Amino acid sequence: MKMEPKPLPFTSLTGISDKTMSIHHDKLYVGYVNKANEISEKLMAMHTSGVGLDAANQTYSELRALRDGETFAVNAIYLHEYYFDTLGGKGEPSGPLVDALVETYGSIEKFIAFFSATGMAVRGWVVLCWDTQAKQLKMYGCDSHNQGGIWGCMPILVLDVYEHAYFIDYGSDRKTYIQDWWKNLHWEKANEIYVQLTSHV
């Protein structure tokens, strides 16, 4: 099925400019959607024709390249959608997710400090997720879209720390960008995701 880009769920943010968000969403994210569709078409053509299947190997082959590109592009789409979907709020933490974070990390301040520090330590993404195997909240860092993800973990809060997310507005000051990201966090939406993921536990 062909993937379609989703619109931004907000109009403006604090600190993060409309220009940055327009480039981030309209060019980068939409570009990943287009590329994922192109890869999907090539994989389907290969499946239908059988051409290239005999040459498949793990060192280099067209199928290997397509499969690697597929996970990179599709993960980029999903991670960006999670990132966009929980922005546009007032940054005021409350609700069942916050209660669970306090229980897990000791206080909301300690969680925010740990999550933010992780954002300074990794090159791509910070993900707070519900680990369906461990049945608990977990935090993971990723250097690339298709590196660092854990099977069975469903994202709740996703922070993009690639330079394209902040360099126009903040230069190399990633720390201030992360501080402003918290100011724009839509905790109500994050709570909805958390409740949905944990309702069957």
N, C-alpha and C. Protein backbone atom coordinates (compact mmCIF):
# COMPACT_ATOMS: atom_id res chain seq x y z
N MET A 1 0.84 -1.19 0.00
CA MET A 1 0.00 0.00 0.00
C MET A 1 0.88 1.25 0.00
N LYS A 2 0.55 2.20 -0.83
CA LYS A 2 1.33 3.42 -0.94
C LYS A 2 1.21 4.25 0.33
N MET A 3 2.33 4.75 0.83
CA MET A 3 2.34 5.58 2.02
C MET A 3 2.04 7.02 1.63
N GLU A 4 1.33 7.71 2.51
CA GLU A 4 0.99 9.12 2.29
C GLU A 4 1.51 9.95 3.46
N PRO A 5 2.10 11.13 3.19
CA PRO A 5 2.57 11.98 4.29
C PRO A 5 1.41 12.53 5.10
N LYS A 6 1.60 12.62 6.40
CA LYS A 6 0.60 13.19 7.29
C LYS A 6 0.89 14.67 7.50
N PRO A 7 -0.15 15.50 7.62
CA PRO A 7 0.10 16.93 7.87
C PRO A 7 0.59 17.16 9.29
N LEU A 8 1.23 18.30 9.49
CA LEU A 8 1.64 18.67 10.84
C LEU A 8 0.41 18.89 11.70
N PRO A 9 0.41 18.43 12.96
CA PRO A 9 -0.76 18.58 13.82
C PRO A 9 -0.78 19.89 14.60
N PHE A 10 0.05 20.86 14.23
CA PHE A 10 0.13 22.14 14.94
C PHE A 10 0.47 23.22 13.92
N THR A 11 0.33 24.48 14.33
CA THR A 11 0.61 25.59 13.43
C THR A 11 1.94 26.27 13.71
N SER A 12 2.31 26.41 14.98
CA SER A 12 3.58 27.05 15.31
C SER A 12 4.07 26.55 16.66
N LEU A 13 5.37 26.75 16.89
CA LEU A 13 6.01 26.27 18.11
C LEU A 13 6.79 27.39 18.78
N THR A 14 7.15 27.17 20.02
CA THR A 14 8.00 28.10 20.75
C THR A 14 9.46 27.78 20.48
N GLY A 15 10.20 28.75 19.94
CA GLY A 15 11.63 28.57 19.72
C GLY A 15 11.98 27.92 18.40
N ILE A 16 11.24 26.91 18.00
CA ILE A 16 11.50 26.20 16.74
C ILE A 16 10.70 26.90 15.65
N SER A 17 11.40 27.48 14.68
CA SER A 17 10.76 28.35 13.69
C SER A 17 9.90 27.60 12.69
N ASP A 18 8.98 28.34 12.07
CA ASP A 18 8.16 27.78 11.00
C ASP A 18 9.04 27.33 9.83
N LYS A 19 10.13 28.07 9.57
CA LYS A 19 11.04 27.71 8.48
C LYS A 19 11.66 26.35 8.74
N THR A 20 12.16 26.15 9.97
CA THR A 20 12.75 24.86 10.31
C THR A 20 11.73 23.74 10.16
N MET A 21 10.53 23.96 10.68
CA MET A 21 9.52 22.91 10.63
C MET A 21 9.05 22.65 9.22
N SER A 22 9.00 23.69 8.39
CA SER A 22 8.60 23.50 6.99
C SER A 22 9.62 22.64 6.25
N ILE A 23 10.90 22.93 6.44
CA ILE A 23 11.95 22.13 5.81
C ILE A 23 11.92 20.71 6.36
N HIS A 24 11.77 20.61 7.67
CA HIS A 24 11.78 19.31 8.35
C HIS A 24 10.64 18.42 7.85
N HIS A 25 9.45 19.00 7.79
CA HIS A 25 8.28 18.21 7.40
C HIS A 25 8.14 18.11 5.88
N ASP A 26 8.10 19.26 5.20
CA ASP A 26 7.73 19.28 3.79
C ASP A 26 8.80 18.73 2.86
N LYS A 27 10.06 18.84 3.26
CA LYS A 27 11.13 18.36 2.41
C LYS A 27 11.70 17.02 2.90
N LEU A 28 12.17 17.00 4.16
CA LEU A 28 12.83 15.80 4.66
C LEU A 28 11.85 14.64 4.87
N TYR A 29 10.83 14.87 5.70
CA TYR A 29 9.86 13.81 6.00
C TYR A 29 9.13 13.36 4.75
N VAL A 30 8.63 14.30 3.97
CA VAL A 30 7.92 13.93 2.74
C VAL A 30 8.87 13.21 1.78
N GLY A 31 10.13 13.60 1.79
CA GLY A 31 11.13 12.91 0.97
C GLY A 31 11.28 11.45 1.37
N TYR A 32 11.25 11.17 2.67
CA TYR A 32 11.32 9.78 3.13
C TYR A 32 10.09 8.99 2.68
N VAL A 33 8.92 9.63 2.73
CA VAL A 33 7.70 8.95 2.27
C VAL A 33 7.84 8.59 0.79
N ASN A 34 8.29 9.55 -0.02
CA ASN A 34 8.45 9.30 -1.45
C ASN A 34 9.47 8.19 -1.72
N LYS A 35 10.56 8.22 -0.98
CA LYS A 35 11.60 7.22 -1.19
C LYS A 35 11.13 5.83 -0.74
N ALA A 36 10.39 5.77 0.35
CA ALA A 36 9.84 4.49 0.81
C ALA A 36 8.91 3.90 -0.24
N ASN A 37 8.10 4.75 -0.87
CA ASN A 37 7.21 4.27 -1.92
C ASN A 37 7.99 3.77 -3.14
N GLU A 38 9.06 4.48 -3.48
CA GLU A 38 9.90 4.05 -4.61
C GLU A 38 10.54 2.69 -4.32
N ILE A 39 11.06 2.52 -3.11
CA ILE A 39 11.67 1.24 -2.72
C ILE A 39 10.64 0.12 -2.75
N SER A 40 9.44 0.41 -2.24
CA SER A 40 8.37 -0.59 -2.23
C SER A 40 8.02 -1.05 -3.64
N GLU A 41 7.96 -0.11 -4.56
CA GLU A 41 7.65 -0.44 -5.96
C GLU A 41 8.73 -1.33 -6.56
N LYS A 42 10.00 -1.03 -6.25
CA LYS A 42 11.11 -1.83 -6.78
C LYS A 42 11.12 -3.24 -6.19
N LEU A 43 10.79 -3.34 -4.90
CA LEU A 43 10.72 -4.66 -4.27
C LEU A 43 9.58 -5.48 -4.87
N MET A 44 8.44 -4.84 -5.11
CA MET A 44 7.31 -5.56 -5.69
C MET A 44 7.63 -6.02 -7.11
N ALA A 45 8.32 -5.15 -7.86
CA ALA A 45 8.70 -5.53 -9.23
C ALA A 45 9.67 -6.71 -9.21
N MET A 46 10.60 -6.70 -8.25
CA MET A 46 11.55 -7.81 -8.13
C MET A 46 10.81 -9.09 -7.75
N HIS A 47 9.87 -8.98 -6.83
CA HIS A 47 9.08 -10.15 -6.42
C HIS A 47 8.28 -10.71 -7.59
N THR A 48 7.66 -9.82 -8.35
CA THR A 48 6.81 -10.25 -9.46
C THR A 48 7.61 -10.89 -10.59
N SER A 49 8.74 -10.26 -10.92
CA SER A 49 9.54 -10.74 -12.06
C SER A 49 10.53 -11.83 -11.68
N GLY A 50 10.97 -11.82 -10.43
CA GLY A 50 12.00 -12.75 -10.00
C GLY A 50 13.41 -12.34 -10.40
N VAL A 51 13.53 -11.25 -11.15
CA VAL A 51 14.83 -10.78 -11.62
C VAL A 51 15.65 -10.26 -10.44
N GLY A 52 16.84 -10.78 -10.28
CA GLY A 52 17.73 -10.32 -9.22
C GLY A 52 17.71 -11.18 -7.97
N LEU A 53 16.73 -12.07 -7.85
CA LEU A 53 16.63 -12.89 -6.63
C LEU A 53 17.80 -13.88 -6.53
N ASP A 54 18.23 -14.43 -7.67
CA ASP A 54 19.33 -15.40 -7.65
C ASP A 54 20.65 -14.76 -7.25
N ALA A 55 20.76 -13.44 -7.42
CA ALA A 55 22.00 -12.73 -7.11
C ALA A 55 22.04 -12.23 -5.65
N ALA A 56 20.98 -12.48 -4.88
CA ALA A 56 20.92 -11.95 -3.51
C ALA A 56 22.03 -12.53 -2.65
N ASN A 57 22.74 -11.65 -1.95
CA ASN A 57 23.75 -12.08 -0.98
C ASN A 57 23.97 -10.96 0.02
N GLN A 58 24.61 -11.28 1.15
CA GLN A 58 24.71 -10.33 2.26
C GLN A 58 25.86 -9.33 2.13
N THR A 59 26.74 -9.52 1.16
CA THR A 59 27.82 -8.55 0.95
C THR A 59 27.32 -7.37 0.15
N TYR A 60 26.81 -7.62 -1.03
CA TYR A 60 26.15 -6.59 -1.82
C TYR A 60 25.28 -7.24 -2.87
N SER A 61 24.07 -6.78 -2.96
CA SER A 61 23.17 -7.16 -4.04
C SER A 61 22.07 -6.11 -4.07
N GLU A 62 21.33 -6.07 -5.16
CA GLU A 62 20.25 -5.10 -5.28
C GLU A 62 19.21 -5.33 -4.19
N LEU A 63 18.89 -6.59 -3.91
CA LEU A 63 17.89 -6.89 -2.89
C LEU A 63 18.37 -6.45 -1.51
N ARG A 64 19.65 -6.70 -1.20
CA ARG A 64 20.19 -6.25 0.09
C ARG A 64 20.09 -4.72 0.21
N ALA A 65 20.47 -4.01 -0.84
CA ALA A 65 20.43 -2.56 -0.81
C ALA A 65 19.00 -2.05 -0.62
N LEU A 66 18.05 -2.68 -1.30
CA LEU A 66 16.65 -2.27 -1.16
C LEU A 66 16.13 -2.56 0.24
N ARG A 67 16.46 -3.71 0.79
CA ARG A 67 15.99 -4.05 2.14
C ARG A 67 16.59 -3.11 3.19
N ASP A 68 17.86 -2.76 3.04
CA ASP A 68 18.48 -1.83 3.97
C ASP A 68 17.85 -0.44 3.84
N GLY A 69 17.65 0.01 2.60
CA GLY A 69 17.02 1.30 2.37
C GLY A 69 15.58 1.35 2.87
N GLU A 70 14.90 0.21 2.77
CA GLU A 70 13.51 0.12 3.22
C GLU A 70 13.40 0.40 4.72
N THR A 71 14.22 -0.26 5.53
CA THR A 71 14.13 -0.04 6.99
C THR A 71 14.56 1.37 7.36
N PHE A 72 15.55 1.92 6.65
CA PHE A 72 15.99 3.29 6.92
C PHE A 72 14.86 4.28 6.64
N ALA A 73 14.23 4.16 5.46
CA ALA A 73 13.19 5.11 5.07
C ALA A 73 11.92 4.97 5.89
N VAL A 74 11.46 3.74 6.10
CA VAL A 74 10.21 3.54 6.83
C VAL A 74 10.36 3.93 8.30
N ASN A 75 11.48 3.56 8.92
CA ASN A 75 11.71 4.01 10.29
C ASN A 75 11.79 5.52 10.38
N ALA A 76 12.39 6.16 9.38
CA ALA A 76 12.46 7.62 9.36
C ALA A 76 11.06 8.22 9.32
N ILE A 77 10.18 7.63 8.55
CA ILE A 77 8.79 8.11 8.48
C ILE A 77 8.12 7.99 9.84
N TYR A 78 8.16 6.81 10.41
CA TYR A 78 7.47 6.58 11.68
C TYR A 78 8.03 7.42 12.81
N LEU A 79 9.36 7.50 12.91
CA LEU A 79 9.96 8.29 13.98
C LEU A 79 9.60 9.77 13.84
N HIS A 80 9.61 10.28 12.62
CA HIS A 80 9.21 11.68 12.43
C HIS A 80 7.74 11.90 12.78
N GLU A 81 6.89 10.94 12.44
CA GLU A 81 5.47 11.10 12.78
C GLU A 81 5.26 11.11 14.29
N TYR A 82 5.96 10.24 15.01
CA TYR A 82 5.88 10.27 16.48
C TYR A 82 6.41 11.59 17.02
N TYR A 83 7.49 12.08 16.44
CA TYR A 83 8.07 13.36 16.86
C TYR A 83 7.08 14.50 16.65
N PHE A 84 6.51 14.60 15.45
CA PHE A 84 5.56 15.68 15.16
C PHE A 84 4.29 15.56 16.01
N ASP A 85 3.80 14.34 16.20
CA ASP A 85 2.50 14.14 16.84
C ASP A 85 2.43 14.58 18.29
N THR A 86 3.55 14.63 18.99
CA THR A 86 3.50 15.05 20.39
C THR A 86 4.08 16.45 20.58
N LEU A 87 4.12 17.25 19.51
CA LEU A 87 4.48 18.66 19.62
C LEU A 87 3.22 19.51 19.48
N GLY A 88 3.33 20.78 19.86
CA GLY A 88 2.21 21.70 19.76
C GLY A 88 1.46 21.89 21.05
N GLY A 89 2.02 21.40 22.15
CA GLY A 89 1.38 21.55 23.46
C GLY A 89 2.01 22.67 24.27
N LYS A 90 1.65 22.73 25.53
CA LYS A 90 2.13 23.79 26.42
C LYS A 90 3.30 23.34 27.30
N GLY A 91 3.70 22.08 27.17
CA GLY A 91 4.85 21.62 27.92
C GLY A 91 4.62 21.48 29.41
N GLU A 92 3.37 21.29 29.81
CA GLU A 92 3.05 21.17 31.23
C GLU A 92 2.78 19.70 31.57
N PRO A 93 3.74 19.04 32.22
CA PRO A 93 3.59 17.60 32.48
C PRO A 93 2.52 17.27 33.50
N SER A 94 1.61 16.38 33.13
CA SER A 94 0.58 15.89 34.04
C SER A 94 -0.04 14.65 33.42
N GLY A 95 -0.76 13.88 34.23
CA GLY A 95 -1.47 12.72 33.71
C GLY A 95 -0.82 11.40 34.07
N PRO A 96 -1.41 10.31 33.60
CA PRO A 96 -0.94 8.97 33.97
C PRO A 96 0.47 8.66 33.49
N LEU A 97 0.88 9.19 32.34
CA LEU A 97 2.25 8.96 31.89
C LEU A 97 3.24 9.58 32.86
N VAL A 98 2.95 10.78 33.30
CA VAL A 98 3.84 11.46 34.25
C VAL A 98 3.91 10.68 35.56
N ASP A 99 2.76 10.18 36.01
CA ASP A 99 2.75 9.37 37.23
C ASP A 99 3.65 8.14 37.07
N ALA A 100 3.58 7.50 35.90
CA ALA A 100 4.40 6.32 35.65
C ALA A 100 5.87 6.68 35.55
N LEU A 101 6.17 7.84 34.98
CA LEU A 101 7.56 8.29 34.89
C LEU A 101 8.15 8.59 36.26
N VAL A 102 7.34 9.18 37.13
CA VAL A 102 7.78 9.45 38.49
C VAL A 102 8.08 8.14 39.21
N GLU A 103 7.21 7.16 39.02
CA GLU A 103 7.41 5.86 39.65
C GLU A 103 8.67 5.17 39.12
N THR A 104 8.93 5.34 37.81
CA THR A 104 10.07 4.67 37.18
C THR A 104 11.39 5.39 37.44
N TYR A 105 11.37 6.72 37.37
CA TYR A 105 12.62 7.48 37.41
C TYR A 105 12.81 8.30 38.68
N GLY A 106 11.84 8.28 39.59
CA GLY A 106 11.99 8.97 40.87
C GLY A 106 11.32 10.32 40.92
N SER A 107 11.35 11.06 39.83
CA SER A 107 10.66 12.35 39.72
C SER A 107 10.62 12.73 38.25
N ILE A 108 9.72 13.63 37.89
CA ILE A 108 9.64 14.07 36.50
C ILE A 108 10.90 14.84 36.13
N GLU A 109 11.48 15.55 37.10
CA GLU A 109 12.71 16.30 36.85
C GLU A 109 13.87 15.37 36.51
N LYS A 110 13.96 14.25 37.25
CA LYS A 110 15.03 13.29 36.97
C LYS A 110 14.84 12.64 35.60
N PHE A 111 13.60 12.34 35.24
CA PHE A 111 13.34 11.77 33.92
C PHE A 111 13.74 12.75 32.83
N ILE A 112 13.30 14.01 32.96
CA ILE A 112 13.61 15.02 31.94
C ILE A 112 15.13 15.20 31.82
N ALA A 113 15.83 15.21 32.94
CA ALA A 113 17.28 15.37 32.91
C ALA A 113 17.95 14.19 32.20
N PHE A 114 17.49 12.98 32.47
CA PHE A 114 18.07 11.78 31.87
C PHE A 114 17.77 11.72 30.37
N PHE A 115 16.53 12.01 30.00
CA PHE A 115 16.11 12.01 28.60
C PHE A 115 16.89 13.07 27.83
N SER A 116 17.02 14.27 28.41
CA SER A 116 17.74 15.35 27.76
C SER A 116 19.21 15.02 27.59
N ALA A 117 19.82 14.43 28.62
CA ALA A 117 21.22 14.04 28.53
C ALA A 117 21.42 12.98 27.45
N THR A 118 20.46 12.07 27.33
CA THR A 118 20.52 11.07 26.27
C THR A 118 20.48 11.75 24.91
N GLY A 119 19.68 12.82 24.81
CA GLY A 119 19.62 13.60 23.57
C GLY A 119 20.93 14.27 23.23
N MET A 120 21.74 14.56 24.23
CA MET A 120 23.07 15.12 23.99
C MET A 120 24.08 14.03 23.63
N ALA A 121 23.78 12.79 24.01
CA ALA A 121 24.74 11.70 23.85
C ALA A 121 24.60 10.96 22.53
N VAL A 122 23.41 10.97 21.93
CA VAL A 122 23.19 10.21 20.70
C VAL A 122 23.21 11.14 19.49
N ARG A 123 23.24 10.55 18.31
CA ARG A 123 23.34 11.33 17.08
C ARG A 123 22.02 11.50 16.34
N GLY A 124 20.99 10.73 16.72
CA GLY A 124 19.77 10.76 15.94
C GLY A 124 18.49 10.95 16.72
N TRP A 125 18.16 10.00 17.59
CA TRP A 125 16.86 9.97 18.23
C TRP A 125 16.95 9.54 19.69
N VAL A 126 16.03 10.07 20.50
CA VAL A 126 15.77 9.54 21.83
C VAL A 126 14.32 9.08 21.84
N VAL A 127 14.08 7.88 22.33
CA VAL A 127 12.74 7.31 22.30
C VAL A 127 12.36 6.80 23.69
N LEU A 128 11.29 7.37 24.25
CA LEU A 128 10.65 6.78 25.42
C LEU A 128 9.56 5.88 24.88
N CYS A 129 9.57 4.63 25.29
CA CYS A 129 8.62 3.68 24.72
C CYS A 129 8.03 2.78 25.80
N TRP A 130 6.98 2.10 25.39
CA TRP A 130 6.42 1.02 26.21
C TRP A 130 6.99 -0.28 25.66
N ASP A 131 7.80 -0.95 26.47
CA ASP A 131 8.42 -2.21 26.08
C ASP A 131 7.40 -3.32 26.33
N THR A 132 6.88 -3.87 25.24
CA THR A 132 5.82 -4.88 25.37
C THR A 132 6.36 -6.21 25.91
N GLN A 133 7.67 -6.41 25.86
CA GLN A 133 8.26 -7.62 26.42
C GLN A 133 8.45 -7.46 27.93
N ALA A 134 9.05 -6.34 28.34
CA ALA A 134 9.32 -6.10 29.76
C ALA A 134 8.11 -5.55 30.50
N LYS A 135 7.09 -5.09 29.75
CA LYS A 135 5.88 -4.49 30.33
C LYS A 135 6.24 -3.29 31.21
N GLN A 136 7.08 -2.42 30.66
CA GLN A 136 7.46 -1.23 31.41
C GLN A 136 7.98 -0.15 30.46
N LEU A 137 8.06 1.07 30.99
CA LEU A 137 8.62 2.16 30.22
C LEU A 137 10.13 1.98 30.10
N LYS A 138 10.64 2.23 28.90
CA LYS A 138 12.08 2.15 28.67
C LYS A 138 12.50 3.35 27.81
N MET A 139 13.75 3.72 27.93
CA MET A 139 14.31 4.81 27.14
C MET A 139 15.47 4.27 26.31
N TYR A 140 15.45 4.59 25.01
CA TYR A 140 16.51 4.13 24.13
C TYR A 140 17.03 5.29 23.29
N GLY A 141 18.31 5.20 22.91
CA GLY A 141 18.92 6.18 22.03
C GLY A 141 19.31 5.52 20.73
N CYS A 142 19.19 6.25 19.63
CA CYS A 142 19.49 5.71 18.31
C CYS A 142 20.39 6.69 17.55
N ASP A 143 21.40 6.17 16.90
CA ASP A 143 22.26 7.00 16.07
C ASP A 143 21.74 7.11 14.64
N SER A 144 20.90 6.18 14.23
CA SER A 144 20.37 6.17 12.87
C SER A 144 18.95 5.61 12.91
N HIS A 145 18.18 5.90 11.87
CA HIS A 145 16.78 5.47 11.84
C HIS A 145 16.63 3.96 12.04
N ASN A 146 17.51 3.20 11.44
CA ASN A 146 17.40 1.74 11.50
C ASN A 146 18.51 1.13 12.35
N GLN A 147 18.97 1.87 13.35
CA GLN A 147 19.95 1.36 14.30
C GLN A 147 19.57 1.80 15.70
N GLY A 148 19.48 0.87 16.63
CA GLY A 148 19.17 1.23 18.00
C GLY A 148 17.73 0.95 18.42
N GLY A 149 16.85 0.69 17.46
CA GLY A 149 15.48 0.35 17.81
C GLY A 149 15.40 -1.04 18.41
N ILE A 150 14.43 -1.23 19.29
CA ILE A 150 14.26 -2.51 19.97
C ILE A 150 12.92 -3.12 19.55
N TRP A 151 12.96 -4.34 19.07
CA TRP A 151 11.72 -5.00 18.66
C TRP A 151 10.75 -5.10 19.84
N GLY A 152 9.48 -4.84 19.57
CA GLY A 152 8.46 -4.96 20.61
C GLY A 152 8.29 -3.71 21.45
N CYS A 153 8.99 -2.63 21.10
CA CYS A 153 8.88 -1.38 21.85
C CYS A 153 8.07 -0.37 21.05
N MET A 154 7.06 0.22 21.68
CA MET A 154 6.18 1.16 21.00
C MET A 154 6.47 2.58 21.49
N PRO A 155 6.87 3.49 20.60
CA PRO A 155 7.24 4.84 20.99
C PRO A 155 6.09 5.64 21.60
N ILE A 156 6.44 6.45 22.59
CA ILE A 156 5.50 7.37 23.22
C ILE A 156 6.00 8.80 23.02
N LEU A 157 7.22 9.07 23.44
CA LEU A 157 7.87 10.36 23.20
C LEU A 157 9.09 10.13 22.33
N VAL A 158 9.21 10.91 21.26
CA VAL A 158 10.34 10.79 20.35
C VAL A 158 10.96 12.17 20.13
N LEU A 159 12.25 12.27 20.38
CA LEU A 159 12.99 13.52 20.19
C LEU A 159 13.99 13.34 19.05
N ASP A 160 13.90 14.20 18.06
CA ASP A 160 14.83 14.21 16.94
C ASP A 160 15.99 15.13 17.29
N VAL A 161 17.20 14.59 17.33
CA VAL A 161 18.37 15.41 17.62
C VAL A 161 19.35 15.47 16.45
N TYR A 162 18.92 15.05 15.27
CA TYR A 162 19.72 15.31 14.09
C TYR A 162 19.82 16.82 13.90
N GLU A 163 20.91 17.30 13.31
CA GLU A 163 21.13 18.73 13.19
C GLU A 163 20.04 19.44 12.39
N HIS A 164 19.42 18.75 11.44
CA HIS A 164 18.38 19.40 10.65
C HIS A 164 17.20 19.86 11.51
N ALA A 165 17.03 19.25 12.68
CA ALA A 165 15.90 19.59 13.55
C ALA A 165 16.10 20.92 14.27
N TYR A 166 17.34 21.41 14.34
CA TYR A 166 17.58 22.59 15.16
C TYR A 166 18.61 23.58 14.64
N PHE A 167 19.43 23.22 13.65
CA PHE A 167 20.59 24.03 13.33
C PHE A 167 20.23 25.42 12.80
N ILE A 168 19.15 25.56 12.05
CA ILE A 168 18.75 26.87 11.54
C ILE A 168 18.45 27.84 12.68
N ASP A 169 17.79 27.34 13.72
CA ASP A 169 17.37 28.20 14.83
C ASP A 169 18.40 28.31 15.95
N TYR A 170 19.17 27.26 16.17
CA TYR A 170 20.02 27.20 17.35
C TYR A 170 21.51 27.04 17.04
N GLY A 171 21.87 26.92 15.77
CA GLY A 171 23.26 26.63 15.44
C GLY A 171 23.65 25.30 16.05
N SER A 172 24.78 25.27 16.73
CA SER A 172 25.24 24.02 17.36
C SER A 172 24.73 23.86 18.79
N ASP A 173 23.84 24.75 19.23
CA ASP A 173 23.35 24.73 20.60
C ASP A 173 22.20 23.73 20.75
N ARG A 174 22.54 22.47 20.72
CA ARG A 174 21.53 21.42 20.83
C ARG A 174 20.83 21.47 22.19
N LYS A 175 21.55 21.83 23.23
CA LYS A 175 20.99 21.83 24.57
C LYS A 175 19.79 22.76 24.68
N THR A 176 19.88 23.97 24.11
CA THR A 176 18.75 24.91 24.16
C THR A 176 17.59 24.40 23.32
N TYR A 177 17.89 23.79 22.18
CA TYR A 177 16.83 23.19 21.36
C TYR A 177 16.06 22.15 22.16
N ILE A 178 16.77 21.29 22.89
CA ILE A 178 16.09 20.26 23.69
C ILE A 178 15.24 20.91 24.78
N GLN A 179 15.75 21.96 25.40
CA GLN A 179 14.97 22.67 26.41
C GLN A 179 13.68 23.22 25.81
N ASP A 180 13.76 23.76 24.60
CA ASP A 180 12.56 24.29 23.95
C ASP A 180 11.63 23.17 23.49
N TRP A 181 12.19 22.02 23.14
CA TRP A 181 11.33 20.88 22.77
C TRP A 181 10.40 20.53 23.92
N TRP A 182 10.93 20.52 25.15
CA TRP A 182 10.08 20.24 26.31
C TRP A 182 8.97 21.27 26.45
N LYS A 183 9.24 22.53 26.12
CA LYS A 183 8.24 23.60 26.23
C LYS A 183 7.09 23.39 25.26
N ASN A 184 7.34 22.66 24.17
CA ASN A 184 6.33 22.43 23.14
C ASN A 184 5.66 21.07 23.24
N LEU A 185 6.04 20.30 24.25
CA LEU A 185 5.54 18.93 24.34
C LEU A 185 4.04 18.90 24.67
N HIS A 186 3.33 18.07 23.94
CA HIS A 186 1.88 17.92 24.13
C HIS A 186 1.66 16.70 25.03
N TRP A 187 1.69 16.93 26.33
CA TRP A 187 1.58 15.83 27.28
C TRP A 187 0.24 15.11 27.20
N GLU A 188 -0.81 15.84 26.81
CA GLU A 188 -2.12 15.19 26.70
C GLU A 188 -2.09 14.10 25.64
N LYS A 189 -1.45 14.38 24.51
CA LYS A 189 -1.34 13.37 23.45
C LYS A 189 -0.45 12.21 23.89
N ALA A 190 0.63 12.54 24.58
CA ALA A 190 1.51 11.48 25.08
C ALA A 190 0.77 10.59 26.07
N ASN A 191 -0.08 11.19 26.90
CA ASN A 191 -0.88 10.40 27.83
C ASN A 191 -1.84 9.47 27.09
N GLU A 192 -2.44 9.96 26.02
CA GLU A 192 -3.35 9.13 25.23
C GLU A 192 -2.62 7.91 24.67
N ILE A 193 -1.42 8.12 24.15
CA ILE A 193 -0.63 7.02 23.60
C ILE A 193 -0.29 6.02 24.70
N TYR A 194 0.16 6.53 25.85
CA TYR A 194 0.54 5.68 26.95
C TYR A 194 -0.65 4.84 27.43
N VAL A 195 -1.79 5.45 27.61
CA VAL A 195 -2.98 4.73 28.08
C VAL A 195 -3.38 3.67 27.08
N GLN A 196 -3.34 4.01 25.80
CA GLN A 196 -3.70 3.03 24.77
C GLN A 196 -2.75 1.83 24.80
N LEU A 197 -1.47 2.07 24.96
CA LEU A 197 -0.49 0.99 24.94
C LEU A 197 -0.56 0.11 26.17
N THR A 198 -0.97 0.67 27.29
CA THR A 198 -0.95 -0.07 28.56
C THR A 198 -2.34 -0.54 28.98
N SER A 199 -3.35 -0.32 28.19
CA SER A 199 -4.73 -0.65 28.60
C SER A 199 -4.96 -2.14 28.73
N HIS A 200 -4.12 -2.95 28.07
CA HIS A 200 -4.31 -4.40 28.12
C HIS A 200 -3.31 -5.11 29.02
N VAL A 201 -2.55 -4.33 29.76
CA VAL A 201 -1.52 -4.92 30.63
C VAL A 201 -2.17 -5.51 31.88
